[in-house]
Amino acid sequence: MITRLAPVRVAGAAGAAGVLILSATGVASAHASLVRANIRPGEVFAANAYPRTLTGFFAENVTPSSSFLHVFEADPTGDHALVDTGKNSFPFKNPKEIEATLPKGLKGVYTVMWYTVSADDGHTAGFTFTFTVK
């Protein structure tokens, strides 16, 4: 015996299921993406006026062993060398934060590159942006 459901009930159930699915994917799709940093994309600093620590804040907790935040030379004629100390710190006070230490005396265009593995769901994210020191 086949039971037929009223079209309104089927449409209502399908709509509710769609809302639940979209809600769940909206939460998961955030990944551990960069939310903000103390150096903004395209920002220009006067000589020796840039922060000595680049701090990135991410949407989810990051996995320290698999995540990084680094600064490289961006001059197209240069060798794109690593500029920061190469050692990231992951403050215990905020598992959504990564810090990279910058040396004194930077001048030129630099690329910030970050890559994260979410400690919450294992998803990966990454991107780059540049800033300038005059």
Protein backbone atom coordinates (compact mmCIF):
# COMPACT_ATOMS: atom_id res chain seq x y z
CA MET A 1 0.00 0.00 0.00
CA ILE A 2 1.36 3.40 -0.99
CA THR A 3 0.58 6.32 1.26
CA ARG A 4 0.25 9.67 -0.42
CA LEU A 5 1.26 12.72 1.56
CA ALA A 6 -0.35 16.08 1.08
CA PRO A 7 1.79 18.31 -1.21
CA VAL A 8 1.95 21.04 1.45
CA ARG A 9 3.44 18.66 4.03
CA VAL A 10 6.02 17.35 1.54
CA ALA A 11 7.01 20.87 0.48
CA GLY A 12 7.23 21.97 4.12
CA ALA A 13 9.43 19.00 5.06
CA ALA A 14 11.66 19.53 2.02
CA GLY A 15 12.03 23.23 2.87
CA ALA A 16 12.92 22.46 6.48
CA ALA A 17 15.48 19.88 5.38
CA GLY A 18 17.00 22.41 2.97
CA VAL A 19 17.33 25.02 5.71
CA LEU A 20 19.04 22.49 7.99
CA ILE A 21 21.45 21.42 5.26
CA LEU A 22 22.30 25.02 4.32
CA SER A 23 22.76 25.93 7.97
CA ALA A 24 25.12 23.03 8.54
CA THR A 25 27.18 23.72 5.43
CA GLY A 26 27.35 27.43 6.26
CA VAL A 27 29.04 26.65 9.56
CA ALA A 28 31.44 24.12 8.07
CA SER A 29 32.36 26.24 5.08
CA ALA A 30 34.06 28.89 7.21
CA HIS A 31 37.12 26.64 7.65
CA ALA A 32 40.05 28.22 9.47
CA SER A 33 40.13 31.20 7.10
CA LEU A 34 41.85 34.45 7.96
CA VAL A 35 39.37 36.80 9.60
CA ARG A 36 41.76 39.67 10.22
CA ALA A 37 45.41 40.49 10.74
CA ASN A 38 47.28 43.44 12.19
CA ILE A 39 48.75 44.01 8.71
CA ARG A 40 46.00 44.50 6.13
CA PRO A 41 46.15 43.55 2.44
CA GLY A 42 47.68 46.41 0.46
CA GLU A 43 48.69 48.36 3.56
CA VAL A 44 51.64 50.75 3.19
CA PHE A 45 53.96 51.49 6.12
CA ALA A 46 56.62 54.14 6.57
CA ALA A 47 60.12 52.78 7.19
CA ASN A 48 60.34 51.12 10.61
CA ALA A 49 56.65 51.86 11.30
CA TYR A 50 55.38 48.32 10.62
CA PRO A 51 54.54 45.90 13.45
CA ARG A 52 57.40 43.58 14.46
CA THR A 53 54.89 40.77 14.99
CA LEU A 54 52.40 39.80 12.29
CA THR A 55 49.32 38.36 13.98
CA GLY A 56 46.63 36.49 12.07
CA PHE A 57 43.24 35.67 13.57
CA PHE A 58 41.33 32.77 12.01
CA ALA A 59 37.67 31.68 11.92
CA GLU A 60 38.36 28.33 13.61
CA ASN A 61 40.99 26.81 15.87
CA VAL A 62 44.13 25.96 13.87
CA THR A 63 46.28 22.82 14.04
CA PRO A 64 49.75 24.15 14.99
CA SER A 65 51.70 21.26 13.42
CA SER A 66 50.07 21.79 10.01
CA SER A 67 49.40 25.55 9.84
CA PHE A 68 51.63 28.53 9.12
CA LEU A 69 51.79 32.29 8.58
CA HIS A 70 54.91 33.59 6.79
CA VAL A 71 56.22 36.71 5.06
CA PHE A 72 58.29 36.56 1.86
CA GLU A 73 60.00 39.11 -0.38
CA ALA A 74 57.61 40.00 -3.21
CA ASP A 75 59.98 41.91 -5.50
CA PRO A 76 59.72 40.18 -8.90
CA THR A 77 63.48 40.61 -9.42
CA GLY A 78 64.31 39.16 -5.99
CA ASP A 79 64.56 35.59 -4.79
CA HIS A 80 61.28 35.64 -2.79
CA ALA A 81 63.20 34.75 0.36
CA LEU A 82 61.53 34.14 3.70
CA VAL A 83 61.60 37.39 5.68
CA ASP A 84 60.14 36.42 9.06
CA THR A 85 62.12 34.34 11.57
CA GLY A 86 60.56 31.12 10.22
CA LYS A 87 59.17 30.13 13.60
CA ASN A 88 55.47 30.71 14.13
CA SER A 89 53.99 30.96 17.58
CA PHE A 90 50.55 29.71 18.48
CA PRO A 91 49.44 31.52 21.65
CA PHE A 92 47.71 29.29 24.19
CA LYS A 93 45.34 32.14 25.03
CA ASN A 94 43.76 31.96 21.55
CA PRO A 95 43.89 28.75 19.46
CA LYS A 96 42.62 30.76 16.46
CA GLU A 97 45.78 32.90 16.32
CA ILE A 98 49.17 32.55 14.61
CA GLU A 99 52.08 34.97 15.05
CA ALA A 100 55.18 35.55 12.92
CA THR A 101 58.08 37.76 14.02
CA LEU A 102 59.42 40.31 11.53
CA PRO A 103 62.94 41.75 11.57
CA LYS A 104 63.86 45.44 11.74
CA GLY A 105 64.80 47.30 8.58
CA LEU A 106 62.32 45.94 6.06
CA LYS A 107 61.90 47.97 2.88
CA GLY A 108 59.96 46.96 -0.22
CA VAL A 109 56.95 44.82 -1.11
CA TYR A 110 56.22 41.69 0.89
CA THR A 111 53.85 38.76 0.50
CA VAL A 112 52.03 37.28 3.47
CA MET A 113 51.21 33.62 2.90
CA TRP A 114 49.06 31.62 5.27
CA TYR A 115 47.83 28.04 5.28
CA THR A 116 45.71 26.42 7.96
CA VAL A 117 44.31 23.05 8.88
CA SER A 118 41.26 23.46 11.09
CA ALA A 119 41.53 21.75 14.46
CA ASP A 120 37.73 21.74 14.50
CA ASP A 121 36.98 19.83 11.29
CA GLY A 122 40.29 19.16 9.47
CA HIS A 123 39.44 21.39 6.50
CA THR A 124 42.25 23.35 4.89
CA ALA A 125 42.40 26.98 3.77
CA GLY A 126 45.07 29.35 2.54
CA PHE A 127 45.71 32.58 0.71
CA THR A 128 48.22 35.39 0.16
CA PHE A 129 48.25 39.17 0.24
CA THR A 130 50.89 41.87 -0.04
CA PHE A 131 51.94 44.92 1.96
CA THR A 132 54.62 47.56 1.44
CA VAL A 133 57.25 49.22 3.62
CA LYS A 134 58.55 52.52 2.13
